[in-house]
């Protein structure tokens, strides 16, 4: 009888221990997934912040957001390596709250740049009544409106749920970059002389036979084709290299070649990734400061007066 009771106790203990172990493994797997998502969103924001106007107030604000994002992400990874999933989760959440502000500021500026680009293309397209350029312009305004809707959705999500806002702003930046691609295509189409447009070129049967027999196919990517066309029009002074406008309440200056690079999420040639500088300047001591005991704690609370206690800040205050 006793042996059977002993066997039952051992079995129950094994079940409880295995359940706890499975829960810990599940927590670890979830934290790893969260860290991977956070790193991907952080790297995307890194390119965005690096490509913003140099030394502008906007870029400085997004830099500060990215710095907090990287710091909290580092803390989260330190806790994860120590197996403390709860502490790691809190730091991931703080990282994403800081990241949310950077995405929000960046998308707001991107929407303004798309307005400037599309509006600058509109007059000559309306005058020329070019159907292809008009179609590109309509597609650009369509994606611009979609990005504005995503921006409004993002700012309405509660701050304690940063991932929802980040996802809206992330998709908004993708849509606004596509809107600006259509804006550049509309600008190119409207400024290209009619004699140079492919659809107006006279084609003979000999041309078709030679094209079919030729192996010299254009293997360039869409990025290279549009960039080469922009360089061609700018070098011939058919198209200005920059567009400036203050129609959005402040001066916006757009370099068309830089704009084209940014539309494909490429780092501009004269910029350096912000995230590398932030990692080089990362304050490791801040992690240990979070672990240090306050001046008055449970061990010395009868010896140290309450007036000497360290000020206590809630996690919510730290994240704001």
C-alpha atoms as a PDB file:
ATOM      1  CA  UNK A   1       0.000   0.000   0.000  1.00  0.00           C
ATOM      2  CA  UNK A   2       2.762   2.356   0.996  1.00  0.00           C
ATOM      3  CA  UNK A   3       4.715   1.549  -2.138  1.00  0.00           C
ATOM      4  CA  UNK A   4       1.722   2.420  -4.327  1.00  0.00           C
ATOM      5  CA  UNK A   5       1.237   5.740  -2.488  1.00  0.00           C
ATOM      6  CA  UNK A   6       4.928   6.478  -2.867  1.00  0.00           C
ATOM      7  CA  UNK A   7       4.698   5.713  -6.598  1.00  0.00           C
ATOM      8  CA  UNK A   8       1.719   8.066  -6.968  1.00  0.00           C
ATOM      9  CA  UNK A   9       3.581  10.875  -5.186  1.00  0.00           C
ATOM     10  CA  UNK A  10       6.594  10.420  -7.428  1.00  0.00           C
ATOM     11  CA  UNK A  11       4.354  10.484 -10.506  1.00  0.00           C
ATOM     12  CA  UNK A  12       2.596  13.680  -9.375  1.00  0.00           C
ATOM     13  CA  UNK A  13       5.914  15.364  -8.624  1.00  0.00           C
ATOM     14  CA  UNK A  14       7.230  14.405 -12.062  1.00  0.00           C
ATOM     15  CA  UNK A  15       4.144  15.811 -13.771  1.00  0.00           C
ATOM     16  CA  UNK A  16       4.370  19.101 -11.872  1.00  0.00           C
ATOM     17  CA  UNK A  17       8.095  19.452 -12.541  1.00  0.00           C
ATOM     18  CA  UNK A  18       7.738  18.662 -16.255  1.00  0.00           C
ATOM     19  CA  UNK A  19       4.860  21.161 -16.585  1.00  0.00           C
ATOM     20  CA  UNK A  20       6.956  23.885 -14.981  1.00  0.00           C
ATOM     21  CA  UNK A  21       9.880  23.022 -17.246  1.00  0.00           C
ATOM     22  CA  UNK A  22       7.654  23.133 -20.345  1.00  0.00           C
ATOM     23  CA  UNK A  23       6.303  26.522 -19.267  1.00  0.00           C
ATOM     24  CA  UNK A  24       9.829  27.868 -18.855  1.00  0.00           C
ATOM     25  CA  UNK A  25      10.837  26.539 -22.293  1.00  0.00           C
ATOM     26  CA  UNK A  26       7.725  28.125 -23.799  1.00  0.00           C
ATOM     27  CA  UNK A  27       8.535  31.439 -22.139  1.00  0.00           C
ATOM     28  CA  UNK A  28      12.067  31.296 -23.486  1.00  0.00           C
ATOM     29  CA  UNK A  29      10.833  30.545 -27.007  1.00  0.00           C
ATOM     30  CA  UNK A  30       8.356  33.422 -26.879  1.00  0.00           C
ATOM     31  CA  UNK A  31      11.002  35.836 -25.620  1.00  0.00           C
ATOM     32  CA  UNK A  32      13.369  34.803 -28.421  1.00  0.00           C
ATOM     33  CA  UNK A  33      10.626  35.453 -30.988  1.00  0.00           C
ATOM     34  CA  UNK A  34       9.910  38.856 -29.442  1.00  0.00           C
ATOM     35  CA  UNK A  35      13.597  39.755 -29.479  1.00  0.00           C
ATOM     36  CA  UNK A  36      13.909  38.789 -33.145  1.00  0.00           C
ATOM     37  CA  UNK A  37      10.875  40.905 -34.068  1.00  0.00           C
ATOM     38  CA  UNK A  38      12.170  43.807 -32.022  1.00  0.00           C
ATOM     39  CA  UNK A  39      15.589  43.637 -33.691  1.00  0.00           C
ATOM     40  CA  UNK A  40      14.045  43.565 -37.197  1.00  0.00           C
ATOM     41  CA  UNK A  41      11.856  46.604 -36.469  1.00  0.00           C
ATOM     42  CA  UNK A  42      14.831  48.349 -34.884  1.00  0.00           C
ATOM     43  CA  UNK A  43      17.035  47.825 -37.953  1.00  0.00           C
ATOM     44  CA  UNK A  44      14.281  49.140 -40.233  1.00  0.00           C
ATOM     45  CA  UNK A  45      13.974  52.298 -38.120  1.00  0.00           C
ATOM     46  CA  UNK A  46      17.769  52.626 -38.224  1.00  0.00           C
ATOM     47  CA  UNK A  47      17.749  53.203 -42.006  1.00  0.00           C
ATOM     48  CA  UNK A  48      14.802  55.583 -41.726  1.00  0.00           C
ATOM     49  CA  UNK A  49      16.440  57.706 -39.021  1.00  0.00           C
ATOM     50  CA  UNK A  50      19.799  57.742 -40.816  1.00  0.00           C
ATOM     51  CA  UNK A  51      18.183  59.034 -44.036  1.00  0.00           C
ATOM     52  CA  UNK A  52      16.259  61.891 -42.392  1.00  0.00           C
ATOM     53  CA  UNK A  53      17.480  65.485 -42.995  1.00  0.00           C
ATOM     54  CA  UNK A  54      20.895  65.839 -41.388  1.00  0.00           C
ATOM     55  CA  UNK A  55      21.061  67.448 -37.927  1.00  0.00           C
ATOM     56  CA  UNK A  56      17.413  68.500 -38.081  1.00  0.00           C
ATOM     57  CA  UNK A  57      15.203  68.598 -34.990  1.00  0.00           C
ATOM     58  CA  UNK A  58      13.269  65.679 -36.443  1.00  0.00           C
ATOM     59  CA  UNK A  59      16.366  63.523 -36.874  1.00  0.00           C
ATOM     60  CA  UNK A  60      17.547  64.344 -33.351  1.00  0.00           C
ATOM     61  CA  UNK A  61      14.183  63.293 -31.909  1.00  0.00           C
ATOM     62  CA  UNK A  62      14.174  60.027 -33.843  1.00  0.00           C
ATOM     63  CA  UNK A  63      17.804  59.435 -32.797  1.00  0.00           C
ATOM     64  CA  UNK A  64      16.820  59.765 -29.139  1.00  0.00           C
ATOM     65  CA  UNK A  65      13.983  57.313 -29.682  1.00  0.00           C
ATOM     66  CA  UNK A  66      16.354  54.855 -31.363  1.00  0.00           C
ATOM     67  CA  UNK A  67      18.924  55.215 -28.569  1.00  0.00           C
ATOM     68  CA  UNK A  68      16.323  54.279 -25.940  1.00  0.00           C
ATOM     69  CA  UNK A  69      15.145  51.435 -28.150  1.00  0.00           C
ATOM     70  CA  UNK A  70      18.641  49.973 -28.442  1.00  0.00           C
ATOM     71  CA  UNK A  71      19.363  50.382 -24.729  1.00  0.00           C
ATOM     72  CA  UNK A  72      16.188  48.626 -23.589  1.00  0.00           C
ATOM     73  CA  UNK A  73      16.724  45.919 -26.222  1.00  0.00           C
ATOM     74  CA  UNK A  74      20.208  45.336 -24.803  1.00  0.00           C
ATOM     75  CA  UNK A  75      18.787  45.034 -21.278  1.00  0.00           C
ATOM     76  CA  UNK A  76      16.166  42.575 -22.536  1.00  0.00           C
ATOM     77  CA  UNK A  77      18.835  40.383 -24.118  1.00  0.00           C
ATOM     78  CA  UNK A  78      20.916  40.444 -20.941  1.00  0.00           C
ATOM     79  CA  UNK A  79      17.935  39.270 -18.891  1.00  0.00           C
ATOM     80  CA  UNK A  80      17.044  36.636 -21.490  1.00  0.00           C
ATOM     81  CA  UNK A  81      20.544  35.152 -21.325  1.00  0.00           C
ATOM     82  CA  UNK A  82      20.124  34.865 -17.548  1.00  0.00           C
ATOM     83  CA  UNK A  83      16.818  33.036 -17.976  1.00  0.00           C
ATOM     84  CA  UNK A  84      14.722  35.813 -16.422  1.00  0.00           C
ATOM     85  CA  UNK A  85      11.884  35.968 -18.920  1.00  0.00           C
ATOM     86  CA  UNK A  86       9.715  38.365 -16.911  1.00  0.00           C
ATOM     87  CA  UNK A  87      12.418  41.024 -16.653  1.00  0.00           C
ATOM     88  CA  UNK A  88      13.298  40.529 -20.314  1.00  0.00           C
ATOM     89  CA  UNK A  89       9.660  41.002 -21.365  1.00  0.00           C
ATOM     90  CA  UNK A  90       9.396  44.292 -19.451  1.00  0.00           C
ATOM     91  CA  UNK A  91      12.500  45.630 -21.173  1.00  0.00           C
ATOM     92  CA  UNK A  92      11.205  44.531 -24.599  1.00  0.00           C
ATOM     93  CA  UNK A  93       7.991  46.434 -23.940  1.00  0.00           C
ATOM     94  CA  UNK A  94       9.945  49.536 -22.899  1.00  0.00           C
ATOM     95  CA  UNK A  95      12.049  49.219 -26.059  1.00  0.00           C
ATOM     96  CA  UNK A  96       8.976  49.053 -28.272  1.00  0.00           C
ATOM     97  CA  UNK A  97       7.317  52.021 -26.567  1.00  0.00           C
ATOM     98  CA  UNK A  98      10.410  54.101 -27.351  1.00  0.00           C
ATOM     99  CA  UNK A  99      10.505  52.689 -30.895  1.00  0.00           C
ATOM    100  CA  UNK A 100       6.854  53.588 -31.460  1.00  0.00           C
ATOM    101  CA  UNK A 101       7.624  57.301 -31.075  1.00  0.00           C
ATOM    102  CA  UNK A 102      10.413  57.088 -33.658  1.00  0.00           C
ATOM    103  CA  UNK A 103       8.150  55.397 -36.188  1.00  0.00           C
ATOM    104  CA  UNK A 104       5.370  57.934 -35.577  1.00  0.00           C
ATOM    105  CA  UNK A 105       7.625  60.950 -36.120  1.00  0.00           C
ATOM    106  CA  UNK A 106       9.208  59.427 -39.225  1.00  0.00           C
ATOM    107  CA  UNK A 107       5.918  58.526 -40.895  1.00  0.00           C
ATOM    108  CA  UNK A 108       4.552  62.026 -40.279  1.00  0.00           C
ATOM    109  CA  UNK A 109       7.519  63.508 -42.144  1.00  0.00           C
ATOM    110  CA  UNK A 110       7.330  60.911 -44.925  1.00  0.00           C
ATOM    111  CA  UNK A 111       3.691  61.811 -45.565  1.00  0.00           C
ATOM    112  CA  UNK A 112       4.662  65.471 -45.986  1.00  0.00           C
ATOM    113  CA  UNK A 113       7.444  64.585 -48.444  1.00  0.00           C
ATOM    114  CA  UNK A 114       5.010  62.544 -50.535  1.00  0.00           C
ATOM    115  CA  UNK A 115       2.598  65.478 -50.666  1.00  0.00           C
ATOM    116  CA  UNK A 116       5.369  67.780 -51.904  1.00  0.00           C
ATOM    117  CA  UNK A 117       6.517  65.312 -54.577  1.00  0.00           C
ATOM    118  CA  UNK A 118       3.048  64.521 -55.915  1.00  0.00           C
ATOM    119  CA  UNK A 119       1.925  68.152 -55.906  1.00  0.00           C
ATOM    120  CA  UNK A 120       5.035  69.228 -57.811  1.00  0.00           C
ATOM    121  CA  UNK A 121       4.216  66.727 -60.570  1.00  0.00           C
ATOM    122  CA  UNK A 122       0.548  67.669 -60.845  1.00  0.00           C
ATOM    123  CA  UNK A 123       0.650  70.977 -62.844  1.00  0.00           C
ATOM    124  CA  UNK A 124       2.593  69.720 -65.868  1.00  0.00           C
ATOM    125  CA  UNK A 125       0.614  66.452 -65.928  1.00  0.00           C
ATOM    126  CA  UNK A 126      -2.695  68.306 -65.911  1.00  0.00           C
ATOM    127  CA  UNK A 127      -1.445  70.581 -68.689  1.00  0.00           C
ATOM    128  CA  UNK A 128      -0.061  67.793 -70.891  1.00  0.00           C
ATOM    129  CA  UNK A 129      -2.902  65.325 -70.220  1.00  0.00           C
ATOM    130  CA  UNK A 130      -0.420  62.455 -70.432  1.00  0.00           C
ATOM    131  CA  UNK A 131      -2.505  59.356 -69.545  1.00  0.00           C
ATOM    132  CA  UNK A 132       0.430  57.294 -68.239  1.00  0.00           C
ATOM    133  CA  UNK A 133       1.757  60.070 -65.997  1.00  0.00           C
ATOM    134  CA  UNK A 134      -1.783  60.737 -64.793  1.00  0.00           C
ATOM    135  CA  UNK A 135      -2.189  57.057 -63.892  1.00  0.00           C
ATOM    136  CA  UNK A 136       1.072  57.056 -61.913  1.00  0.00           C
ATOM    137  CA  UNK A 137      -0.054  60.188 -60.089  1.00  0.00           C
ATOM    138  CA  UNK A 138      -3.389  58.609 -59.183  1.00  0.00           C
ATOM    139  CA  UNK A 139      -1.620  55.539 -57.805  1.00  0.00           C
ATOM    140  CA  UNK A 140       0.649  57.791 -55.766  1.00  0.00           C
ATOM    141  CA  UNK A 141      -2.273  59.657 -54.203  1.00  0.00           C
ATOM    142  CA  UNK A 142      -3.999  56.321 -53.525  1.00  0.00           C
ATOM    143  CA  UNK A 143      -1.034  55.027 -51.514  1.00  0.00           C
ATOM    144  CA  UNK A 144      -0.620  58.402 -49.822  1.00  0.00           C
ATOM    145  CA  UNK A 145      -4.188  58.229 -48.530  1.00  0.00           C
ATOM    146  CA  UNK A 146      -3.641  54.635 -47.364  1.00  0.00           C
ATOM    147  CA  UNK A 147      -0.552  55.763 -45.419  1.00  0.00           C
ATOM    148  CA  UNK A 148      -2.510  58.597 -43.811  1.00  0.00           C
ATOM    149  CA  UNK A 149      -5.173  56.134 -42.670  1.00  0.00           C
ATOM    150  CA  UNK A 150      -2.487  53.868 -41.189  1.00  0.00           C
ATOM    151  CA  UNK A 151      -0.957  56.870 -39.414  1.00  0.00           C
ATOM    152  CA  UNK A 152      -4.292  57.767 -37.809  1.00  0.00           C
ATOM    153  CA  UNK A 153      -4.803  54.144 -36.785  1.00  0.00           C
ATOM    154  CA  UNK A 154      -1.350  54.002 -35.230  1.00  0.00           C
ATOM    155  CA  UNK A 155      -1.766  57.054 -33.013  1.00  0.00           C
ATOM    156  CA  UNK A 156      -5.119  55.753 -31.733  1.00  0.00           C
ATOM    157  CA  UNK A 157      -3.690  52.533 -30.336  1.00  0.00           C
ATOM    158  CA  UNK A 158      -3.012  52.772 -26.575  1.00  0.00           C
ATOM    159  CA  UNK A 159       0.577  53.428 -25.561  1.00  0.00           C
ATOM    160  CA  UNK A 160       0.786  50.277 -23.370  1.00  0.00           C
ATOM    161  CA  UNK A 161       0.263  48.261 -26.597  1.00  0.00           C
ATOM    162  CA  UNK A 162       3.163  49.583 -28.699  1.00  0.00           C
ATOM    163  CA  UNK A 163       3.353  46.681 -31.157  1.00  0.00           C
ATOM    164  CA  UNK A 164      -0.005  47.582 -32.707  1.00  0.00           C
ATOM    165  CA  UNK A 165       1.118  51.155 -33.304  1.00  0.00           C
ATOM    166  CA  UNK A 166       4.506  50.079 -34.665  1.00  0.00           C
ATOM    167  CA  UNK A 167       2.862  47.712 -37.128  1.00  0.00           C
ATOM    168  CA  UNK A 168       0.571  50.481 -38.430  1.00  0.00           C
ATOM    169  CA  UNK A 169       3.437  52.968 -38.768  1.00  0.00           C
ATOM    170  CA  UNK A 170       5.668  50.327 -40.379  1.00  0.00           C
ATOM    171  CA  UNK A 171       3.044  49.537 -43.018  1.00  0.00           C
ATOM    172  CA  UNK A 172       2.434  53.263 -43.437  1.00  0.00           C
ATOM    173  CA  UNK A 173       6.102  53.881 -44.260  1.00  0.00           C
ATOM    174  CA  UNK A 174       6.037  51.039 -46.791  1.00  0.00           C
ATOM    175  CA  UNK A 175       2.956  52.500 -48.477  1.00  0.00           C
ATOM    176  CA  UNK A 176       4.315  56.046 -48.489  1.00  0.00           C
ATOM    177  CA  UNK A 177       7.560  54.865 -50.056  1.00  0.00           C
ATOM    178  CA  UNK A 178       5.544  53.215 -52.800  1.00  0.00           C
ATOM    179  CA  UNK A 179       3.542  56.428 -53.238  1.00  0.00           C
ATOM    180  CA  UNK A 180       6.794  58.324 -53.740  1.00  0.00           C
ATOM    181  CA  UNK A 181       7.948  55.735 -56.290  1.00  0.00           C
ATOM    182  CA  UNK A 182       4.813  56.433 -58.304  1.00  0.00           C
ATOM    183  CA  UNK A 183       5.451  60.157 -57.845  1.00  0.00           C
ATOM    184  CA  UNK A 184       8.924  59.840 -59.352  1.00  0.00           C
ATOM    185  CA  UNK A 185       7.583  57.741 -62.232  1.00  0.00           C
ATOM    186  CA  UNK A 186       4.924  60.381 -62.908  1.00  0.00           C
ATOM    187  CA  UNK A 187       7.586  63.094 -62.841  1.00  0.00           C
ATOM    188  CA  UNK A 188       9.837  61.158 -65.239  1.00  0.00           C
ATOM    189  CA  UNK A 189       6.962  60.378 -67.602  1.00  0.00           C
ATOM    190  CA  UNK A 190       5.765  63.984 -67.685  1.00  0.00           C
ATOM    191  CA  UNK A 191       9.241  65.441 -68.332  1.00  0.00           C
ATOM    192  CA  UNK A 192      10.493  62.896 -70.865  1.00  0.00           C
ATOM    193  CA  UNK A 193      10.290  64.242 -74.455  1.00  0.00           C
ATOM    194  CA  UNK A 194       7.622  62.522 -76.551  1.00  0.00           C
ATOM    195  CA  UNK A 195      10.176  61.371 -79.134  1.00  0.00           C
ATOM    196  CA  UNK A 196      12.028  59.412 -76.439  1.00  0.00           C
ATOM    197  CA  UNK A 197       9.044  57.565 -75.057  1.00  0.00           C
ATOM    198  CA  UNK A 198       8.996  53.895 -75.920  1.00  0.00           C
ATOM    199  CA  UNK A 199       5.305  53.784 -76.777  1.00  0.00           C
ATOM    200  CA  UNK A 200       5.707  56.505 -79.437  1.00  0.00           C
ATOM    201  CA  UNK A 201       8.748  54.946 -81.108  1.00  0.00           C
ATOM    202  CA  UNK A 202       8.253  53.663 -84.650  1.00  0.00           C
ATOM    203  CA  UNK A 203       8.932  49.937 -84.827  1.00  0.00           C
ATOM    204  CA  UNK A 204       9.462  48.016 -88.070  1.00  0.00           C
ATOM    205  CA  UNK A 205       9.291  44.294 -88.714  1.00  0.00           C
ATOM    206  CA  UNK A 206      13.083  44.215 -88.959  1.00  0.00           C
ATOM    207  CA  UNK A 207      13.315  45.735 -85.484  1.00  0.00           C
ATOM    208  CA  UNK A 208      11.046  43.049 -84.091  1.00  0.00           C
ATOM    209  CA  UNK A 209      13.049  40.256 -85.740  1.00  0.00           C
ATOM    210  CA  UNK A 210      16.336  41.677 -84.483  1.00  0.00           C
ATOM    211  CA  UNK A 211      14.959  42.089 -80.980  1.00  0.00           C
ATOM    212  CA  UNK A 212      13.719  38.502 -80.974  1.00  0.00           C
ATOM    213  CA  UNK A 213      17.049  37.145 -82.187  1.00  0.00           C
ATOM    214  CA  UNK A 214      19.157  39.308 -79.914  1.00  0.00           C
ATOM    215  CA  UNK A 215      20.374  38.045 -76.555  1.00  0.00           C
ATOM    216  CA  UNK A 216      21.105  41.551 -75.248  1.00  0.00           C
ATOM    217  CA  UNK A 217      18.168  41.748 -72.872  1.00  0.00           C
ATOM    218  CA  UNK A 218      17.984  44.495 -70.266  1.00  0.00           C
ATOM    219  CA  UNK A 219      18.721  42.711 -66.993  1.00  0.00           C
ATOM    220  CA  UNK A 220      18.736  45.832 -64.841  1.00  0.00           C
ATOM    221  CA  UNK A 221      16.477  45.952 -61.802  1.00  0.00           C
ATOM    222  CA  UNK A 222      13.622  48.449 -61.542  1.00  0.00           C
ATOM    223  CA  UNK A 223      15.735  50.401 -59.068  1.00  0.00           C
ATOM    224  CA  UNK A 224      18.597  50.791 -61.559  1.00  0.00           C
ATOM    225  CA  UNK A 225      16.314  51.581 -64.505  1.00  0.00           C
ATOM    226  CA  UNK A 226      14.575  54.439 -62.687  1.00  0.00           C
ATOM    227  CA  UNK A 227      17.836  55.736 -61.223  1.00  0.00           C
ATOM    228  CA  UNK A 228      19.548  55.777 -64.629  1.00  0.00           C
ATOM    229  CA  UNK A 229      16.573  57.594 -66.114  1.00  0.00           C
ATOM    230  CA  UNK A 230      16.645  60.203 -63.357  1.00  0.00           C
ATOM    231  CA  UNK A 231      20.371  60.786 -63.854  1.00  0.00           C
ATOM    232  CA  UNK A 232      19.835  61.126 -67.611  1.00  0.00           C
ATOM    233  CA  UNK A 233      17.096  63.754 -67.266  1.00  0.00           C
ATOM    234  CA  UNK A 234      18.923  65.682 -64.541  1.00  0.00           C
ATOM    235  CA  UNK A 235      22.229  65.746 -66.452  1.00  0.00           C
ATOM    236  CA  UNK A 236      20.408  67.133 -69.505  1.00  0.00           C
ATOM    237  CA  UNK A 237      18.724  69.747 -67.276  1.00  0.00           C
ATOM    238  CA  UNK A 238      15.294  68.550 -68.298  1.00  0.00           C
ATOM    239  CA  UNK A 239      14.551  67.781 -64.655  1.00  0.00           C
ATOM    240  CA  UNK A 240      15.722  69.643 -61.555  1.00  0.00           C
ATOM    241  CA  UNK A 241      17.708  67.564 -59.096  1.00  0.00           C
ATOM    242  CA  UNK A 242      15.837  68.968 -56.084  1.00  0.00           C
ATOM    243  CA  UNK A 243      12.300  69.972 -55.211  1.00  0.00           C
ATOM    244  CA  UNK A 244      11.601  72.562 -52.523  1.00  0.00           C
ATOM    245  CA  UNK A 245       8.277  73.566 -51.044  1.00  0.00           C
ATOM    246  CA  UNK A 246       6.855  75.045 -47.843  1.00  0.00           C
ATOM    247  CA  UNK A 247       3.266  74.025 -48.576  1.00  0.00           C
ATOM    248  CA  UNK A 248       3.235  71.765 -45.500  1.00  0.00           C
ATOM    249  CA  UNK A 249       3.983  74.635 -43.124  1.00  0.00           C
ATOM    250  CA  UNK A 250       7.772  74.264 -43.163  1.00  0.00           C
ATOM    251  CA  UNK A 251      10.465  74.074 -45.831  1.00  0.00           C
ATOM    252  CA  UNK A 252      10.963  70.615 -47.329  1.00  0.00           C
ATOM    253  CA  UNK A 253      13.882  70.062 -49.705  1.00  0.00           C
ATOM    254  CA  UNK A 254      13.949  66.776 -51.619  1.00  0.00           C
ATOM    255  CA  UNK A 255      16.940  65.472 -53.544  1.00  0.00           C
ATOM    256  CA  UNK A 256      15.381  63.189 -56.158  1.00  0.00           C
ATOM    257  CA  UNK A 257      18.256  60.689 -56.251  1.00  0.00           C
ATOM    258  CA  UNK A 258      18.348  60.445 -52.450  1.00  0.00           C
ATOM    259  CA  UNK A 259      14.582  60.107 -52.416  1.00  0.00           C
ATOM    260  CA  UNK A 260      14.814  57.243 -54.909  1.00  0.00           C
ATOM    261  CA  UNK A 261      17.383  55.425 -52.746  1.00  0.00           C
ATOM    262  CA  UNK A 262      15.266  55.856 -49.625  1.00  0.00           C
ATOM    263  CA  UNK A 263      12.173  54.557 -51.422  1.00  0.00           C
ATOM    264  CA  UNK A 264      13.954  51.193 -51.650  1.00  0.00           C
ATOM    265  CA  UNK A 265      15.052  51.339 -47.976  1.00  0.00           C
ATOM    266  CA  UNK A 266      18.686  51.889 -48.944  1.00  0.00           C
ATOM    267  CA  UNK A 267      21.071  53.875 -46.790  1.00  0.00           C
ATOM    268  CA  UNK A 268      22.121  57.113 -48.475  1.00  0.00           C
ATOM    269  CA  UNK A 269      25.702  57.216 -49.707  1.00  0.00           C
ATOM    270  CA  UNK A 270      26.737  60.099 -47.423  1.00  0.00           C
ATOM    271  CA  UNK A 271      25.147  58.690 -44.260  1.00  0.00           C
ATOM    272  CA  UNK A 272      26.292  56.261 -41.600  1.00  0.00           C
ATOM    273  CA  UNK A 273      24.012  53.828 -39.735  1.00  0.00           C
ATOM    274  CA  UNK A 274      22.890  55.367 -36.455  1.00  0.00           C
ATOM    275  CA  UNK A 275      22.662  52.006 -34.741  1.00  0.00           C
ATOM    276  CA  UNK A 276      26.406  51.351 -34.994  1.00  0.00           C
ATOM    277  CA  UNK A 277      27.186  54.628 -33.215  1.00  0.00           C
ATOM    278  CA  UNK A 278      24.594  53.857 -30.533  1.00  0.00           C
ATOM    279  CA  UNK A 279      26.082  50.427 -29.817  1.00  0.00           C
ATOM    280  CA  UNK A 280      29.563  51.954 -29.585  1.00  0.00           C
ATOM    281  CA  UNK A 281      28.304  54.522 -27.053  1.00  0.00           C
ATOM    282  CA  UNK A 282      26.061  52.120 -25.120  1.00  0.00           C
ATOM    283  CA  UNK A 283      26.221  52.722 -21.352  1.00  0.00           C
ATOM    284  CA  UNK A 284      26.718  49.264 -19.830  1.00  0.00           C
ATOM    285  CA  UNK A 285      26.706  50.701 -16.291  1.00  0.00           C
ATOM    286  CA  UNK A 286      23.025  51.571 -16.628  1.00  0.00           C
ATOM    287  CA  UNK A 287      22.197  47.855 -16.581  1.00  0.00           C
ATOM    288  CA  UNK A 288      24.026  47.357 -13.276  1.00  0.00           C
ATOM    289  CA  UNK A 289      22.401  50.457 -11.786  1.00  0.00           C
ATOM    290  CA  UNK A 290      19.022  48.790 -12.212  1.00  0.00           C
ATOM    291  CA  UNK A 291      20.283  45.864 -10.121  1.00  0.00           C
ATOM    292  CA  UNK A 292      21.727  47.954  -7.261  1.00  0.00           C
ATOM    293  CA  UNK A 293      19.796  48.090  -3.982  1.00  0.00           C
ATOM    294  CA  UNK A 294      18.323  51.411  -2.823  1.00  0.00           C
ATOM    295  CA  UNK A 295      19.932  53.258   0.084  1.00  0.00           C
ATOM    296  CA  UNK A 296      17.101  52.092   2.340  1.00  0.00           C
ATOM    297  CA  UNK A 297      16.004  48.485   1.808  1.00  0.00           C
ATOM    298  CA  UNK A 298      14.559  45.563   3.740  1.00  0.00           C
ATOM    299  CA  UNK A 299      17.938  44.741   5.301  1.00  0.00           C
ATOM    300  CA  UNK A 300      18.664  48.176   6.769  1.00  0.00           C
ATOM    301  CA  UNK A 301      15.215  49.747   7.080  1.00  0.00           C
ATOM    302  CA  UNK A 302      15.554  50.017  10.874  1.00  0.00           C
ATOM    303  CA  UNK A 303      18.959  51.735  10.655  1.00  0.00           C
ATOM    304  CA  UNK A 304      18.482  54.100   7.682  1.00  0.00           C
ATOM    305  CA  UNK A 305      15.751  56.769   7.962  1.00  0.00           C
ATOM    306  CA  UNK A 306      13.031  56.839   5.317  1.00  0.00           C
ATOM    307  CA  UNK A 307      14.135  60.327   4.262  1.00  0.00           C
ATOM    308  CA  UNK A 308      17.324  58.801   2.821  1.00  0.00           C
ATOM    309  CA  UNK A 309      15.445  56.436   0.487  1.00  0.00           C
ATOM    310  CA  UNK A 310      16.159  56.564  -3.221  1.00  0.00           C
ATOM    311  CA  UNK A 311      13.335  58.080  -5.286  1.00  0.00           C
ATOM    312  CA  UNK A 312      11.245  55.324  -6.791  1.00  0.00           C
ATOM    313  CA  UNK A 313      10.041  55.634 -10.357  1.00  0.00           C
ATOM    314  CA  UNK A 314       7.444  53.311 -11.768  1.00  0.00           C
ATOM    315  CA  UNK A 315       8.081  51.387 -14.968  1.00  0.00           C
ATOM    316  CA  UNK A 316       5.421  53.490 -16.666  1.00  0.00           C
ATOM    317  CA  UNK A 317       7.292  56.714 -15.811  1.00  0.00           C
ATOM    318  CA  UNK A 318      10.513  55.271 -17.198  1.00  0.00           C
ATOM    319  CA  UNK A 319       8.809  54.408 -20.473  1.00  0.00           C
ATOM    320  CA  UNK A 320       7.197  57.802 -21.059  1.00  0.00           C
END
